[in-house]
Protein backbone atom coordinates (compact mmCIF):
# COMPACT_ATOMS: atom_id res chain seq x y z
CA MET A 1 -3.38 -22.90 5.51
CA LEU A 2 -3.39 -19.29 6.60
CA PRO A 3 -6.10 -17.26 4.85
CA LEU A 4 -5.93 -13.82 3.30
CA HIS A 5 -9.30 -12.13 3.68
CA TRP A 6 -10.86 -9.47 1.52
CA ARG A 7 -13.21 -6.64 2.13
CA VAL A 8 -15.48 -5.31 -0.61
CA VAL A 9 -17.73 -2.30 -0.63
CA ALA A 10 -19.74 -3.31 -3.67
CA GLY A 11 -21.76 -0.61 -5.37
CA GLU A 12 -20.13 2.22 -3.42
CA ARG A 13 -20.59 5.40 -5.46
CA VAL A 14 -19.98 8.98 -4.38
CA LYS A 15 -21.29 12.13 -6.00
CA LEU A 16 -18.71 14.85 -6.54
CA VAL A 17 -19.57 18.25 -8.01
CA VAL A 18 -16.64 20.11 -9.60
CA SER A 19 -16.16 23.19 -11.74
CA GLU A 20 -14.17 23.54 -14.93
CA ARG A 21 -11.01 25.65 -14.78
CA THR A 22 -10.67 28.18 -17.57
CA LYS A 23 -7.39 29.65 -16.29
CA LEU A 24 -4.32 27.45 -15.91
CA GLY A 25 -0.84 27.88 -14.48
CA SER A 26 0.88 27.69 -11.11
CA ALA A 27 -0.25 31.17 -10.05
CA GLU A 28 -3.89 30.30 -10.68
CA SER A 29 -3.47 27.01 -8.82
CA ARG A 30 -2.09 28.86 -5.78
CA ARG A 31 -5.04 31.24 -5.90
CA LEU A 32 -7.49 28.35 -5.93
CA ARG A 33 -5.82 26.68 -2.96
CA LYS A 34 -6.09 29.88 -0.94
CA GLN A 35 -9.84 29.76 -1.60
CA GLY A 36 -10.10 26.20 -0.32
CA LEU A 37 -10.20 24.67 -3.81
CA ILE A 38 -7.94 21.96 -5.20
CA PRO A 39 -6.94 21.99 -8.88
CA GLY A 40 -7.19 18.74 -10.78
CA VAL A 41 -7.79 17.03 -14.10
CA LEU A 42 -10.56 14.70 -15.22
CA TYR A 43 -9.11 12.39 -17.82
CA GLY A 44 -12.09 11.41 -19.91
CA ARG A 45 -12.53 9.10 -22.84
CA SER A 46 -11.58 11.91 -25.21
CA THR A 47 -10.20 15.26 -23.99
CA PRO A 48 -8.93 15.89 -20.42
CA VAL A 49 -10.83 18.58 -18.52
CA ALA A 50 -9.11 20.90 -16.03
CA ILE A 51 -11.25 21.09 -12.90
CA ALA A 52 -11.36 22.56 -9.38
CA ILE A 53 -12.80 20.73 -6.36
CA GLY A 54 -13.68 21.95 -2.91
CA GLU A 55 -11.19 20.60 -0.37
CA ARG A 56 -13.95 19.52 2.03
CA GLU A 57 -15.93 17.81 -0.73
CA LEU A 58 -12.86 15.93 -1.94
CA ARG A 59 -11.95 14.80 1.58
CA ALA A 60 -15.51 13.57 2.13
CA ALA A 61 -15.46 11.66 -1.18
CA LEU A 62 -12.20 9.88 -0.38
CA THR A 63 -13.00 8.96 3.23
CA THR A 64 -16.07 6.84 2.64
CA SER A 65 -16.11 3.12 3.41
CA ALA A 66 -14.70 2.46 -0.08
CA GLY A 67 -11.72 4.72 0.53
CA GLY A 68 -9.63 5.65 -2.48
CA HIS A 69 -11.29 2.94 -4.57
CA ALA A 70 -14.74 4.52 -4.57
CA VAL A 71 -16.42 5.07 -7.92
CA LEU A 72 -17.12 8.79 -8.20
CA ASP A 73 -20.00 10.34 -10.12
CA VAL A 74 -18.18 13.50 -11.17
CA THR A 75 -20.42 16.31 -12.38
CA VAL A 76 -18.74 19.24 -14.13
CA ASP A 77 -20.64 22.52 -13.79
CA GLY A 78 -24.02 20.80 -13.44
CA GLY A 79 -23.58 18.68 -16.57
CA SER A 80 -23.97 14.95 -16.92
CA ALA A 81 -22.21 12.67 -14.43
CA HIS A 82 -18.95 10.94 -15.35
CA SER A 83 -18.15 7.64 -13.63
CA ALA A 84 -14.54 8.05 -12.54
CA ILE A 85 -11.95 6.71 -10.12
CA LEU A 86 -9.06 8.38 -8.34
CA LYS A 87 -6.02 8.16 -10.61
CA GLU A 88 -3.43 9.88 -8.42
CA PHE A 89 -2.93 12.86 -6.14
CA GLN A 90 -0.13 15.05 -4.85
CA ARG A 91 0.44 16.24 -1.29
CA ASP A 92 2.30 19.19 0.17
CA LYS A 93 5.57 17.82 1.54
CA VAL A 94 5.34 19.95 4.69
CA ARG A 95 1.64 20.29 5.51
CA GLY A 96 0.53 16.99 4.03
CA ASN A 97 -2.64 18.39 2.45
CA ILE A 98 -3.65 17.45 -1.10
CA THR A 99 -2.47 20.01 -3.68
CA HIS A 100 -3.54 18.35 -6.94
CA VAL A 101 -5.76 15.45 -7.93
CA ASP A 102 -6.38 13.46 -11.11
CA PHE A 103 -9.49 11.44 -11.91
CA LEU A 104 -9.90 8.84 -14.64
CA GLU A 105 -13.24 8.28 -16.31
CA VAL A 106 -14.15 4.58 -16.53
CA ARG A 107 -16.85 2.36 -17.91
CA LEU A 108 -18.61 0.37 -15.23
CA ASP A 109 -18.89 -2.67 -17.53
CA GLN A 110 -15.14 -2.86 -18.25
CA PRO A 111 -12.50 -4.12 -15.76
CA ILE A 112 -9.73 -1.89 -14.48
CA GLN A 113 -6.34 -2.65 -12.99
CA THR A 114 -5.36 -1.17 -9.64
CA ALA A 115 -3.16 -1.73 -6.58
CA LEU A 116 -4.66 -2.76 -3.24
CA SER A 117 -3.02 -2.26 0.11
CA VAL A 118 -2.54 -5.30 2.36
CA THR A 119 -3.10 -5.01 6.12
CA LEU A 120 -1.84 -7.63 8.56
CA VAL A 121 -4.30 -8.61 11.29
CA GLY A 122 -4.01 -10.93 14.28
CA ASP A 123 -1.19 -11.82 16.69
CA ALA A 124 1.21 -14.29 15.11
CA ILE A 125 2.07 -17.36 17.17
CA GLY A 126 5.68 -16.99 16.09
CA VAL A 127 5.92 -13.55 17.66
CA ARG A 128 4.85 -14.95 21.02
CA GLU A 129 7.60 -17.53 20.60
CA GLY A 130 10.22 -14.82 20.18
CA GLY A 131 10.12 -14.31 16.43
CA VAL A 132 9.82 -11.08 14.48
CA LEU A 133 6.92 -10.50 12.09
CA THR A 134 7.88 -8.80 8.82
CA GLN A 135 5.47 -7.59 6.16
CA VAL A 136 7.21 -8.23 2.86
CA THR A 137 4.48 -7.02 0.48
CA THR A 138 2.28 -4.01 1.26
CA GLU A 139 0.39 -3.82 -2.06
CA VAL A 140 -0.87 -6.32 -4.62
CA ASN A 141 -2.22 -5.72 -8.11
CA VAL A 142 -5.69 -6.84 -9.14
CA GLU A 143 -8.14 -6.52 -12.00
CA ALA A 144 -11.88 -6.13 -11.53
CA LEU A 145 -14.91 -4.15 -12.55
CA PRO A 146 -14.83 -0.68 -10.95
CA LEU A 147 -17.68 -1.43 -8.56
CA GLU A 148 -16.16 -4.78 -7.50
CA VAL A 149 -12.71 -3.56 -6.50
CA PRO A 150 -12.07 -4.33 -2.79
CA GLN A 151 -11.10 -1.46 -0.54
CA HIS A 152 -8.10 -3.43 0.71
CA LEU A 153 -7.00 -6.93 1.66
CA GLU A 154 -6.52 -8.25 5.19
CA ALA A 155 -3.94 -10.94 5.86
CA ASP A 156 -4.62 -12.98 9.00
CA VAL A 157 -1.24 -13.91 10.49
CA SER A 158 -2.60 -15.38 13.74
CA GLU A 159 -1.34 -18.90 13.03
CA LEU A 160 1.95 -17.90 11.45
CA GLY A 161 4.76 -19.65 13.31
CA VAL A 162 8.51 -19.10 13.39
CA GLY A 163 10.06 -19.85 9.99
CA GLU A 164 6.71 -19.69 8.18
CA SER A 165 5.63 -17.38 5.38
CA LEU A 166 2.26 -16.25 4.07
CA ARG A 167 2.00 -16.20 0.27
CA LEU A 168 -0.41 -14.58 -2.13
CA SER A 169 -1.55 -18.02 -3.28
CA GLN A 170 -3.47 -18.23 0.01
CA VAL A 171 -5.61 -15.22 -0.82
CA LYS A 172 -9.38 -15.50 -1.00
CA VAL A 173 -10.85 -13.02 -3.44
CA PRO A 174 -14.46 -12.44 -4.46
CA ALA A 175 -15.75 -13.59 -7.82
CA GLY A 176 -14.75 -11.22 -10.59
CA VAL A 177 -11.47 -10.14 -8.99
CA THR A 178 -8.26 -11.41 -10.60
CA LEU A 179 -4.84 -11.33 -8.95
CA LEU A 180 -2.17 -10.02 -11.29
CA ASP A 181 0.92 -10.77 -9.17
CA ASP A 182 2.53 -14.22 -9.08
CA PRO A 183 0.62 -16.06 -6.31
CA GLU A 184 3.47 -18.43 -5.46
CA GLU A 185 6.36 -15.97 -5.68
CA THR A 186 4.68 -13.10 -3.81
CA VAL A 187 5.35 -13.36 -0.06
CA ILE A 188 3.00 -11.28 2.04
CA ALA A 189 4.57 -11.76 5.49
CA SER A 190 6.98 -14.00 7.40
CA VAL A 191 8.12 -14.67 10.96
CA GLN A 192 11.80 -15.27 11.67
CA LEU A 193 13.90 -15.52 14.80
CA GLN A 194 15.50 -12.25 15.80
CA ARG A 195 19.27 -12.25 15.33
CA GLU A 196 21.31 -11.14 18.31
CA GLU A 197 23.69 -8.35 17.38
CA ILE A 198 27.40 -9.00 17.97
CA PRO A 199 29.15 -5.99 19.53
CA GLU A 200 31.10 -3.97 16.96
CA GLU A 201 34.43 -4.49 18.69
CA LEU A 202 33.98 -8.26 18.57
CA GLU A 203 33.18 -8.14 14.85
CA GLU A 204 36.34 -6.10 14.17
CA ALA A 205 38.45 -8.54 16.18
CA ALA A 206 37.04 -11.47 14.21
CA GLU A 207 37.84 -9.75 10.92
CA GLU A 208 41.45 -9.17 12.02
CA ALA A 209 41.79 -12.85 12.89
CA GLU A 210 40.50 -13.84 9.44
CA GLU A 211 43.19 -11.67 7.83
CA GLY A 212 45.88 -13.91 9.24
CA GLY A 213 46.64 -12.45 12.63
CA GLU A 214 46.81 -14.45 15.84
CA PRO A 215 43.32 -14.99 17.24
CA THR A 216 42.74 -12.82 20.26
CA ALA A 217 40.37 -13.42 23.14
CA ALA A 218 37.96 -10.93 21.54
CA ALA A 219 38.15 -12.76 18.21
CA GLU A 220 37.46 -16.07 19.89
CA ALA A 221 34.49 -14.51 21.69
CA ALA A 222 33.15 -13.19 18.39
CA GLU A 223 33.49 -16.57 16.73
CA GLY A 224 31.76 -18.18 19.69
CA ALA A 225 28.87 -15.72 19.49
CA ALA A 226 28.47 -16.35 15.77
CA GLY A 227 28.56 -20.10 16.39
CA GLU A 228 25.82 -19.83 18.97
CA GLN A 229 23.63 -17.94 16.52
CA GLU A 230 24.15 -20.59 13.84
CA THR A 231 23.20 -23.30 16.33
CA VAL A 232 20.01 -21.52 17.38
CA GLU A 233 18.95 -20.60 13.86
CA GLY A 234 19.86 -23.96 12.40
């Protein structure tokens, strides 16, 4: 069977020093961004704390080998560290830079639920045979301790032939990681023969023939093209 591989960066922790925001509002957020700071919120176990993070520091924290699944040791104004994960972030629609970020404080001894991206690797046999590779699922949901969450999953499609599909049931995950999606129903990728497009004028002629008109040469050509496709795909 075709395997789905996993990559784990166990124990990956990143220190992130932030400052508490005492002034709130859109105007204050714009002022912070002009200074190279990104407004955010640390959702703790009790009361959320409004914070500001240096853009460079945030980029460095989220581009480690653990990516967006790194466990962050967030320190607010030199206080004690809070173990947290990236909850969500917002980007500027034009420039693409991060404009707001939320962190969620977690306990390292309690599992969390998160979504992992799936990357296809390898050259599918079916593609070399004329098929088209389609990735059906780009993310899967898992549950694991914060320090055991994989960065992402890799699906090896090298041996995937025409008409074959790769399902989540073929995934290999490390101990302590639980898949939350239906393993049998979740299709990761498939390879199918590429359908040849019938010219628009032939399709219209075929439709007119179906409505009761006399079949024209174009209609007959359209029917013949469709028949050829059924023969190949059958």
